[in-house]
């Protein structure tokens, strides 16, 4: 999988709102009828990093980072506006596929 941050044109330090705004800009720019492959790439990238749970999952399993779950959660949670998840709640959400 290509790096979702580069596909969306945002940095890994971006917060949820910045990622969402950039995704919406790209969706308007690349309609599914005119640019189906580019639209699919943008959609897949957004799905991979659209919220805290998905960014942690991406960094743990797809980006190949060797950090602990706690380190990744702390790093990402410091940049988001959302409340901080407990480790158990985050793992439960990952197992449930949310």
PDB file of N, CA and C in Angstrom:
ATOM      1  N   UNK A   1       0.839  -1.179   0.000  1.00  0.00           N
ATOM      2  CA  UNK A   1       0.000   0.000   0.000  1.00  0.00           C
ATOM      3  C   UNK A   1       0.889   1.250   0.000  1.00  0.00           C
ATOM      4  N   UNK A   2       0.525   2.212  -0.801  1.00  0.00           N
ATOM      5  CA  UNK A   2       1.257   3.466  -0.800  1.00  0.00           C
ATOM      6  C   UNK A   2       0.949   4.237   0.474  1.00  0.00           C
ATOM      7  N   UNK A   3       1.819   5.150   0.815  1.00  0.00           N
ATOM      8  CA  UNK A   3       1.661   5.918   2.039  1.00  0.00           C
ATOM      9  C   UNK A   3       0.409   6.797   1.945  1.00  0.00           C
ATOM     10  N   UNK A   4      -0.575   6.582   2.817  1.00  0.00           N
ATOM     11  CA  UNK A   4      -1.817   7.361   2.727  1.00  0.00           C
ATOM     12  C   UNK A   4      -1.609   8.846   2.971  1.00  0.00           C
ATOM     13  N   UNK A   5      -0.622   9.187   3.764  1.00  0.00           N
ATOM     14  CA  UNK A   5      -0.365  10.607   4.019  1.00  0.00           C
ATOM     15  C   UNK A   5       0.109  11.314   2.753  1.00  0.00           C
ATOM     16  N   UNK A   6       0.956  10.649   1.968  1.00  0.00           N
ATOM     17  CA  UNK A   6       1.426  11.277   0.728  1.00  0.00           C
ATOM     18  C   UNK A   6       0.314  11.333  -0.316  1.00  0.00           C
ATOM     19  N   UNK A   7      -0.552  10.323  -0.358  1.00  0.00           N
ATOM     20  CA  UNK A   7      -1.679  10.339  -1.294  1.00  0.00           C
ATOM     21  C   UNK A   7      -2.598  11.518  -0.992  1.00  0.00           C
ATOM     22  N   UNK A   8      -2.847  11.750   0.285  1.00  0.00           N
ATOM     23  CA  UNK A   8      -3.726  12.848   0.684  1.00  0.00           C
ATOM     24  C   UNK A   8      -3.012  14.201   0.696  1.00  0.00           C
ATOM     25  N   UNK A   9      -1.695  14.175   0.703  1.00  0.00           N
ATOM     26  CA  UNK A   9      -0.949  15.422   0.724  1.00  0.00           C
ATOM     27  C   UNK A   9      -0.951  16.094   2.084  1.00  0.00           C
ATOM     28  N   UNK A  10      -0.952  15.292   3.147  1.00  0.00           N
ATOM     29  CA  UNK A  10      -0.891  15.812   4.514  1.00  0.00           C
ATOM     30  C   UNK A  10       0.279  15.154   5.228  1.00  0.00           C
ATOM     31  N   UNK A  11       0.674  15.734   6.336  1.00  0.00           N
ATOM     32  CA  UNK A  11       1.762  15.141   7.110  1.00  0.00           C
ATOM     33  C   UNK A  11       1.191  14.147   8.121  1.00  0.00           C
ATOM     34  N   UNK A  12       2.004  13.217   8.589  1.00  0.00           N
ATOM     35  CA  UNK A  12       1.530  12.289   9.618  1.00  0.00           C
ATOM     36  C   UNK A  12       1.163  12.990  10.923  1.00  0.00           C
ATOM     37  N   UNK A  13       1.595  14.223  11.106  1.00  0.00           N
ATOM     38  CA  UNK A  13       1.266  14.971  12.304  1.00  0.00           C
ATOM     39  C   UNK A  13      -0.068  15.704  12.204  1.00  0.00           C
ATOM     40  N   UNK A  14      -0.752  15.594  11.083  1.00  0.00           N
ATOM     41  CA  UNK A  14      -2.029  16.285  10.881  1.00  0.00           C
ATOM     42  C   UNK A  14      -3.105  15.740  11.811  1.00  0.00           C
ATOM     43  N   UNK A  15      -4.033  16.608  12.188  1.00  0.00           N
ATOM     44  CA  UNK A  15      -5.133  16.173  13.039  1.00  0.00           C
ATOM     45  C   UNK A  15      -6.304  15.684  12.179  1.00  0.00           C
ATOM     46  N   UNK A  16      -7.333  15.153  12.849  1.00  0.00           N
ATOM     47  CA  UNK A  16      -8.499  14.590  12.148  1.00  0.00           C
ATOM     48  C   UNK A  16      -9.142  15.589  11.196  1.00  0.00           C
ATOM     49  N   UNK A  17      -9.313  16.817  11.665  1.00  0.00           N
ATOM     50  CA  UNK A  17     -10.005  17.827  10.861  1.00  0.00           C
ATOM     51  C   UNK A  17      -9.214  18.197   9.610  1.00  0.00           C
ATOM     52  N   UNK A  18      -7.913  18.315   9.725  1.00  0.00           N
ATOM     53  CA  UNK A  18      -7.072  18.630   8.566  1.00  0.00           C
ATOM     54  C   UNK A  18      -7.135  17.515   7.529  1.00  0.00           C
ATOM     55  N   UNK A  19      -7.078  16.286   7.993  1.00  0.00           N
ATOM     56  CA  UNK A  19      -7.148  15.138   7.083  1.00  0.00           C
ATOM     57  C   UNK A  19      -8.505  15.099   6.391  1.00  0.00           C
ATOM     58  N   UNK A  20      -9.574  15.338   7.149  1.00  0.00           N
ATOM     59  CA  UNK A  20     -10.913  15.319   6.561  1.00  0.00           C
ATOM     60  C   UNK A  20     -11.083  16.429   5.523  1.00  0.00           C
ATOM     61  N   UNK A  21     -10.615  17.628   5.833  1.00  0.00           N
ATOM     62  CA  UNK A  21     -10.735  18.743   4.890  1.00  0.00           C
ATOM     63  C   UNK A  21      -9.965  18.457   3.604  1.00  0.00           C
ATOM     64  N   UNK A  22      -8.769  17.915   3.735  1.00  0.00           N
ATOM     65  CA  UNK A  22      -7.968  17.604   2.545  1.00  0.00           C
ATOM     66  C   UNK A  22      -8.643  16.513   1.718  1.00  0.00           C
ATOM     67  N   UNK A  23      -9.203  15.524   2.385  1.00  0.00           N
ATOM     68  CA  UNK A  23      -9.927  14.455   1.680  1.00  0.00           C
ATOM     69  C   UNK A  23     -11.095  15.036   0.884  1.00  0.00           C
ATOM     70  N   UNK A  24     -11.870  15.920   1.501  1.00  0.00           N
ATOM     71  CA  UNK A  24     -13.008  16.517   0.806  1.00  0.00           C
ATOM     72  C   UNK A  24     -12.569  17.359  -0.391  1.00  0.00           C
ATOM     73  N   UNK A  25     -11.447  18.063  -0.266  1.00  0.00           N
ATOM     74  CA  UNK A  25     -10.901  18.822  -1.394  1.00  0.00           C
ATOM     75  C   UNK A  25     -10.561  17.889  -2.555  1.00  0.00           C
ATOM     76  N   UNK A  26      -9.917  16.778  -2.233  1.00  0.00           N
ATOM     77  CA  UNK A  26      -9.513  15.832  -3.283  1.00  0.00           C
ATOM     78  C   UNK A  26     -10.712  15.137  -3.919  1.00  0.00           C
ATOM     79  N   UNK A  27     -11.733  14.859  -3.132  1.00  0.00           N
ATOM     80  CA  UNK A  27     -12.940  14.231  -3.678  1.00  0.00           C
ATOM     81  C   UNK A  27     -13.614  15.163  -4.682  1.00  0.00           C
ATOM     82  N   UNK A  28     -13.646  16.446  -4.351  1.00  0.00           N
ATOM     83  CA  UNK A  28     -14.215  17.415  -5.297  1.00  0.00           C
ATOM     84  C   UNK A  28     -13.355  17.529  -6.561  1.00  0.00           C
ATOM     85  N   UNK A  29     -12.068  17.409  -6.396  1.00  0.00           N
ATOM     86  CA  UNK A  29     -11.150  17.540  -7.529  1.00  0.00           C
ATOM     87  C   UNK A  29     -11.169  16.305  -8.427  1.00  0.00           C
ATOM     88  N   UNK A  30     -11.221  15.114  -7.847  1.00  0.00           N
ATOM     89  CA  UNK A  30     -11.167  13.869  -8.605  1.00  0.00           C
ATOM     90  C   UNK A  30     -12.480  13.108  -8.464  1.00  0.00           C
ATOM     91  N   UNK A  31     -13.417  13.395  -9.317  1.00  0.00           N
ATOM     92  CA  UNK A  31     -14.710  12.710  -9.246  1.00  0.00           C
ATOM     93  C   UNK A  31     -14.548  11.250  -9.652  1.00  0.00           C
ATOM     94  N   UNK A  32     -15.378  10.367  -9.102  1.00  0.00           N
ATOM     95  CA  UNK A  32     -15.249   8.944  -9.425  1.00  0.00           C
ATOM     96  C   UNK A  32     -15.547   8.631 -10.891  1.00  0.00           C
ATOM     97  N   UNK A  33     -16.350   9.441 -11.549  1.00  0.00           N
ATOM     98  CA  UNK A  33     -16.676   9.186 -12.953  1.00  0.00           C
ATOM     99  C   UNK A  33     -15.513   9.547 -13.878  1.00  0.00           C
ATOM    100  N   UNK A  34     -14.827  10.634 -13.580  1.00  0.00           N
ATOM    101  CA  UNK A  34     -13.762  11.110 -14.455  1.00  0.00           C
ATOM    102  C   UNK A  34     -12.390  10.551 -14.093  1.00  0.00           C
ATOM    103  N   UNK A  35     -12.149  10.282 -12.837  1.00  0.00           N
ATOM    104  CA  UNK A  35     -10.842   9.799 -12.367  1.00  0.00           C
ATOM    105  C   UNK A  35     -11.040   8.611 -11.415  1.00  0.00           C
ATOM    106  N   UNK A  36     -11.524   7.488 -11.907  1.00  0.00           N
ATOM    107  CA  UNK A  36     -11.868   6.389 -10.985  1.00  0.00           C
ATOM    108  C   UNK A  36     -10.679   5.849 -10.192  1.00  0.00           C
ATOM    109  N   UNK A  37      -9.506   5.731 -10.824  1.00  0.00           N
ATOM    110  CA  UNK A  37      -8.362   5.178 -10.092  1.00  0.00           C
ATOM    111  C   UNK A  37      -7.847   6.150  -9.037  1.00  0.00           C
ATOM    112  N   UNK A  38      -7.767   7.410  -9.380  1.00  0.00           N
ATOM    113  CA  UNK A  38      -7.295   8.418  -8.430  1.00  0.00           C
ATOM    114  C   UNK A  38      -8.287   8.549  -7.266  1.00  0.00           C
ATOM    115  N   UNK A  39      -9.580   8.528  -7.581  1.00  0.00           N
ATOM    116  CA  UNK A  39     -10.605   8.596  -6.544  1.00  0.00           C
ATOM    117  C   UNK A  39     -10.491   7.404  -5.594  1.00  0.00           C
ATOM    118  N   UNK A  40     -10.283   6.210  -6.163  1.00  0.00           N
ATOM    119  CA  UNK A  40     -10.153   5.007  -5.338  1.00  0.00           C
ATOM    120  C   UNK A  40      -8.928   5.088  -4.432  1.00  0.00           C
ATOM    121  N   UNK A  41      -7.833   5.634  -4.944  1.00  0.00           N
ATOM    122  CA  UNK A  41      -6.616   5.774  -4.137  1.00  0.00           C
ATOM    123  C   UNK A  41      -6.832   6.760  -2.991  1.00  0.00           C
ATOM    124  N   UNK A  42      -7.503   7.864  -3.291  1.00  0.00           N
ATOM    125  CA  UNK A  42      -7.782   8.871  -2.257  1.00  0.00           C
ATOM    126  C   UNK A  42      -8.707   8.278  -1.200  1.00  0.00           C
ATOM    127  N   UNK A  43      -9.724   7.561  -1.620  1.00  0.00           N
ATOM    128  CA  UNK A  43     -10.675   6.950  -0.690  1.00  0.00           C
ATOM    129  C   UNK A  43      -9.978   5.918   0.211  1.00  0.00           C
ATOM    130  N   UNK A  44      -9.124   5.082  -0.376  1.00  0.00           N
ATOM    131  CA  UNK A  44      -8.406   4.073   0.403  1.00  0.00           C
ATOM    132  C   UNK A  44      -7.449   4.728   1.400  1.00  0.00           C
ATOM    133  N   UNK A  45      -6.792   5.796   0.973  1.00  0.00           N
ATOM    134  CA  UNK A  45      -5.876   6.505   1.870  1.00  0.00           C
ATOM    135  C   UNK A  45      -6.644   7.115   3.041  1.00  0.00           C
ATOM    136  N   UNK A  46      -7.776   7.731   2.752  1.00  0.00           N
ATOM    137  CA  UNK A  46      -8.583   8.336   3.816  1.00  0.00           C
ATOM    138  C   UNK A  46      -9.107   7.264   4.768  1.00  0.00           C
ATOM    139  N   UNK A  47      -9.532   6.149   4.245  1.00  0.00           N
ATOM    140  CA  UNK A  47     -10.016   5.064   5.104  1.00  0.00           C
ATOM    141  C   UNK A  47      -8.926   4.562   6.047  1.00  0.00           C
ATOM    142  N   UNK A  48      -7.678   4.616   5.599  1.00  0.00           N
ATOM    143  CA  UNK A  48      -6.570   4.115   6.416  1.00  0.00           C
ATOM    144  C   UNK A  48      -6.219   5.034   7.580  1.00  0.00           C
ATOM    145  N   UNK A  49      -6.470   6.349   7.433  1.00  0.00           N
ATOM    146  CA  UNK A  49      -5.979   7.285   8.460  1.00  0.00           C
ATOM    147  C   UNK A  49      -7.022   8.294   8.928  1.00  0.00           C
ATOM    148  N   UNK A  50      -8.286   8.016   8.748  1.00  0.00           N
ATOM    149  CA  UNK A  50      -9.307   9.044   9.017  1.00  0.00           C
ATOM    150  C   UNK A  50      -9.549   9.335  10.488  1.00  0.00           C
ATOM    151  N   UNK A  51      -9.206   8.440  11.391  1.00  0.00           N
ATOM    152  CA  UNK A  51      -9.371   8.718  12.816  1.00  0.00           C
ATOM    153  C   UNK A  51      -8.247   8.075  13.613  1.00  0.00           C
ATOM    154  N   UNK A  52      -8.249   8.332  14.902  1.00  0.00           N
ATOM    155  CA  UNK A  52      -7.169   7.861  15.772  1.00  0.00           C
ATOM    156  C   UNK A  52      -6.995   6.347  15.709  1.00  0.00           C
ATOM    157  N   UNK A  53      -8.072   5.609  15.800  1.00  0.00           N
ATOM    158  CA  UNK A  53      -7.977   4.146  15.783  1.00  0.00           C
ATOM    159  C   UNK A  53      -7.321   3.648  14.503  1.00  0.00           C
ATOM    160  N   UNK A  54      -7.739   4.191  13.387  1.00  0.00           N
ATOM    161  CA  UNK A  54      -7.201   3.736  12.108  1.00  0.00           C
ATOM    162  C   UNK A  54      -5.744   4.147  11.924  1.00  0.00           C
ATOM    163  N   UNK A  55      -5.369   5.342  12.398  1.00  0.00           N
ATOM    164  CA  UNK A  55      -3.967   5.750  12.294  1.00  0.00           C
ATOM    165  C   UNK A  55      -3.079   4.860  13.145  1.00  0.00           C
ATOM    166  N   UNK A  56      -3.521   4.495  14.344  1.00  0.00           N
ATOM    167  CA  UNK A  56      -2.743   3.587  15.187  1.00  0.00           C
ATOM    168  C   UNK A  56      -2.610   2.236  14.496  1.00  0.00           C
ATOM    169  N   UNK A  57      -3.706   1.712  13.984  1.00  0.00           N
ATOM    170  CA  UNK A  57      -3.667   0.432  13.279  1.00  0.00           C
ATOM    171  C   UNK A  57      -2.716   0.503  12.087  1.00  0.00           C
ATOM    172  N   UNK A  58      -2.811   1.563  11.290  1.00  0.00           N
ATOM    173  CA  UNK A  58      -1.930   1.729  10.136  1.00  0.00           C
ATOM    174  C   UNK A  58      -0.472   1.760  10.573  1.00  0.00           C
ATOM    175  N   UNK A  59      -0.161   2.542  11.593  1.00  0.00           N
ATOM    176  CA  UNK A  59       1.231   2.663  12.008  1.00  0.00           C
ATOM    177  C   UNK A  59       1.757   1.386  12.645  1.00  0.00           C
ATOM    178  N   UNK A  60       0.901   0.633  13.293  1.00  0.00           N
ATOM    179  CA  UNK A  60       1.338  -0.624  13.908  1.00  0.00           C
ATOM    180  C   UNK A  60       1.553  -1.735  12.891  1.00  0.00           C
ATOM    181  N   UNK A  61       0.592  -1.900  11.976  1.00  0.00           N
ATOM    182  CA  UNK A  61       0.604  -3.085  11.142  1.00  0.00           C
ATOM    183  C   UNK A  61       0.964  -2.850   9.685  1.00  0.00           C
ATOM    184  N   UNK A  62       0.732  -1.670   9.161  1.00  0.00           N
ATOM    185  CA  UNK A  62       0.987  -1.451   7.747  1.00  0.00           C
ATOM    186  C   UNK A  62       2.230  -0.618   7.485  1.00  0.00           C
ATOM    187  N   UNK A  63       2.562   0.287   8.377  1.00  0.00           N
ATOM    188  CA  UNK A  63       3.740   1.123   8.174  1.00  0.00           C
ATOM    189  C   UNK A  63       5.001   0.445   8.714  1.00  0.00           C
ATOM    190  N   UNK A  64       4.832  -0.632   9.443  1.00  0.00           N
ATOM    191  CA  UNK A  64       5.968  -1.401   9.924  1.00  0.00           C
ATOM    192  C   UNK A  64       6.758  -0.759  11.053  1.00  0.00           C
ATOM    193  N   UNK A  65       6.104   0.054  11.844  1.00  0.00           N
ATOM    194  CA  UNK A  65       6.805   0.672  12.972  1.00  0.00           C
ATOM    195  C   UNK A  65       6.996  -0.335  14.090  1.00  0.00           C
ATOM    196  N   UNK A  66       8.080  -0.200  14.811  1.00  0.00           N
ATOM    197  CA  UNK A  66       8.388  -1.112  15.901  1.00  0.00           C
ATOM    198  C   UNK A  66       8.080  -0.524  17.272  1.00  0.00           C
ATOM    199  N   UNK A  67       7.439   0.647  17.295  1.00  0.00           N
ATOM    200  CA  UNK A  67       7.081   1.270  18.568  1.00  0.00           C
ATOM    201  C   UNK A  67       5.993   0.460  19.264  1.00  0.00           C
ATOM    202  N   UNK A  68       5.854   0.699  20.547  1.00  0.00           N
ATOM    203  CA  UNK A  68       4.778   0.033  21.274  1.00  0.00           C
ATOM    204  C   UNK A  68       3.456   0.740  20.981  1.00  0.00           C
ATOM    205  N   UNK A  69       2.373   0.067  21.282  1.00  0.00           N
ATOM    206  CA  UNK A  69       1.042   0.645  21.095  1.00  0.00           C
ATOM    207  C   UNK A  69       0.920   1.923  21.911  1.00  0.00           C
ATOM    208  N   UNK A  70       1.406   1.902  23.137  1.00  0.00           N
ATOM    209  CA  UNK A  70       1.328   3.085  23.998  1.00  0.00           C
ATOM    210  C   UNK A  70       2.053   4.280  23.390  1.00  0.00           C
ATOM    211  N   UNK A  71       3.229   4.056  22.808  1.00  0.00           N
ATOM    212  CA  UNK A  71       3.992   5.149  22.210  1.00  0.00           C
ATOM    213  C   UNK A  71       3.244   5.749  21.022  1.00  0.00           C
ATOM    214  N   UNK A  72       2.692   4.903  20.179  1.00  0.00           N
ATOM    215  CA  UNK A  72       1.976   5.377  18.997  1.00  0.00           C
ATOM    216  C   UNK A  72       0.706   6.120  19.406  1.00  0.00           C
ATOM    217  N   UNK A  73      -0.034   5.573  20.365  1.00  0.00           N
ATOM    218  CA  UNK A  73      -1.249   6.236  20.830  1.00  0.00           C
ATOM    219  C   UNK A  73      -0.910   7.600  21.413  1.00  0.00           C
ATOM    220  N   UNK A  74       0.124   7.663  22.219  1.00  0.00           N
ATOM    221  CA  UNK A  74       0.523   8.937  22.825  1.00  0.00           C
ATOM    222  C   UNK A  74       0.905   9.948  21.753  1.00  0.00           C
ATOM    223  N   UNK A  75       1.671   9.510  20.775  1.00  0.00           N
ATOM    224  CA  UNK A  75       2.110  10.403  19.695  1.00  0.00           C
ATOM    225  C   UNK A  75       0.930  10.953  18.905  1.00  0.00           C
ATOM    226  N   UNK A  76      -0.014  10.085  18.558  1.00  0.00           N
ATOM    227  CA  UNK A  76      -1.158  10.505  17.754  1.00  0.00           C
ATOM    228  C   UNK A  76      -2.157  11.287  18.599  1.00  0.00           C
ATOM    229  N   UNK A  77      -2.417  10.830  19.807  1.00  0.00           N
ATOM    230  CA  UNK A  77      -3.405  11.489  20.666  1.00  0.00           C
ATOM    231  C   UNK A  77      -2.990  12.912  21.017  1.00  0.00           C
ATOM    232  N   UNK A  78      -1.706  13.178  21.091  1.00  0.00           N
ATOM    233  CA  UNK A  78      -1.239  14.536  21.385  1.00  0.00           C
ATOM    234  C   UNK A  78      -1.608  15.505  20.270  1.00  0.00           C
ATOM    235  N   UNK A  79      -1.810  15.000  19.066  1.00  0.00           N
ATOM    236  CA  UNK A  79      -2.085  15.858  17.923  1.00  0.00           C
ATOM    237  C   UNK A  79      -3.564  15.978  17.610  1.00  0.00           C
ATOM    238  N   UNK A  80      -4.398  15.216  18.253  1.00  0.00           N
ATOM    239  CA  UNK A  80      -5.818  15.239  17.911  1.00  0.00           C
ATOM    240  C   UNK A  80      -6.610  16.073  18.900  1.00  0.00           C
ATOM    241  N   UNK A  81      -7.772  16.498  18.467  1.00  0.00           N
ATOM    242  CA  UNK A  81      -8.657  17.275  19.320  1.00  0.00           C
ATOM    243  C   UNK A  81      -9.583  16.382  20.136  1.00  0.00           C
ATOM    244  N   UNK A  82      -9.613  15.110  19.799  1.00  0.00           N
ATOM    245  CA  UNK A  82     -10.524  14.186  20.467  1.00  0.00           C
ATOM    246  C   UNK A  82     -10.032  13.827  21.852  1.00  0.00           C
ATOM    247  N   UNK A  83     -10.924  13.245  22.609  1.00  0.00           N
ATOM    248  CA  UNK A  83     -10.519  12.758  23.921  1.00  0.00           C
ATOM    249  C   UNK A  83      -9.550  11.600  23.745  1.00  0.00           C
ATOM    250  N   UNK A  84      -8.749  11.371  24.733  1.00  0.00           N
ATOM    251  CA  UNK A  84      -7.747  10.320  24.653  1.00  0.00           C
ATOM    252  C   UNK A  84      -8.393   8.982  25.010  1.00  0.00           C
ATOM    253  N   UNK A  85      -8.143   7.995  24.192  1.00  0.00           N
ATOM    254  CA  UNK A  85      -8.701   6.669  24.410  1.00  0.00           C
ATOM    255  C   UNK A  85      -7.831   5.892  25.379  1.00  0.00           C
ATOM    256  N   UNK A  86      -8.453   5.037  26.134  1.00  0.00           N
ATOM    257  CA  UNK A  86      -7.671   4.125  26.950  1.00  0.00           C
ATOM    258  C   UNK A  86      -7.137   3.025  26.043  1.00  0.00           C
ATOM    259  N   UNK A  87      -6.066   2.414  26.444  1.00  0.00           N
ATOM    260  CA  UNK A  87      -5.462   1.356  25.641  1.00  0.00           C
ATOM    261  C   UNK A  87      -6.448   0.212  25.418  1.00  0.00           C
ATOM    262  N   UNK A  88      -7.171  -0.178  26.455  1.00  0.00           N
ATOM    263  CA  UNK A  88      -8.110  -1.280  26.313  1.00  0.00           C
ATOM    264  C   UNK A  88      -9.246  -0.931  25.359  1.00  0.00           C
ATOM    265  N   UNK A  89      -9.773   0.281  25.447  1.00  0.00           N
ATOM    266  CA  UNK A  89     -10.846   0.693  24.542  1.00  0.00           C
ATOM    267  C   UNK A  89     -10.349   0.719  23.104  1.00  0.00           C
ATOM    268  N   UNK A  90      -9.130   1.180  22.900  1.00  0.00           N
ATOM    269  CA  UNK A  90      -8.561   1.220  21.555  1.00  0.00           C
ATOM    270  C   UNK A  90      -8.387  -0.192  20.995  1.00  0.00           C
ATOM    271  N   UNK A  91      -7.852  -1.099  21.793  1.00  0.00           N
ATOM    272  CA  UNK A  91      -7.677  -2.478  21.336  1.00  0.00           C
ATOM    273  C   UNK A  91      -9.024  -3.155  21.063  1.00  0.00           C
ATOM    274  N   UNK A  92     -10.021  -2.864  21.885  1.00  0.00           N
ATOM    275  CA  UNK A  92     -11.364  -3.406  21.659  1.00  0.00           C
ATOM    276  C   UNK A  92     -11.926  -2.904  20.333  1.00  0.00           C
ATOM    277  N   UNK A  93     -11.739  -1.605  20.056  1.00  0.00           N
ATOM    278  CA  UNK A  93     -12.206  -1.042  18.786  1.00  0.00           C
ATOM    279  C   UNK A  93     -11.478  -1.650  17.584  1.00  0.00           C
ATOM    280  N   UNK A  94     -10.167  -1.872  17.723  1.00  0.00           N
ATOM    281  CA  UNK A  94      -9.422  -2.484  16.630  1.00  0.00           C
ATOM    282  C   UNK A  94      -9.907  -3.908  16.369  1.00  0.00           C
ATOM    283  N   UNK A  95     -10.152  -4.654  17.433  1.00  0.00           N
ATOM    284  CA  UNK A  95     -10.650  -6.028  17.274  1.00  0.00           C
ATOM    285  C   UNK A  95     -12.025  -6.052  16.643  1.00  0.00           C
ATOM    286  N   UNK A  96     -12.861  -5.068  16.991  1.00  0.00           N
ATOM    287  CA  UNK A  96     -14.222  -5.005  16.456  1.00  0.00           C
ATOM    288  C   UNK A  96     -14.245  -4.451  15.046  1.00  0.00           C
ATOM    289  N   UNK A  97     -13.117  -3.913  14.570  1.00  0.00           N
ATOM    290  CA  UNK A  97     -13.058  -3.388  13.208  1.00  0.00           C
ATOM    291  C   UNK A  97     -13.638  -2.001  13.046  1.00  0.00           C
ATOM    292  N   UNK A  98     -13.699  -1.237  14.120  1.00  0.00           N
ATOM    293  CA  UNK A  98     -14.231   0.135  14.057  1.00  0.00           C
ATOM    294  C   UNK A  98     -13.156   1.123  13.764  1.00  0.00           C
TER     295      UNK A  98
END
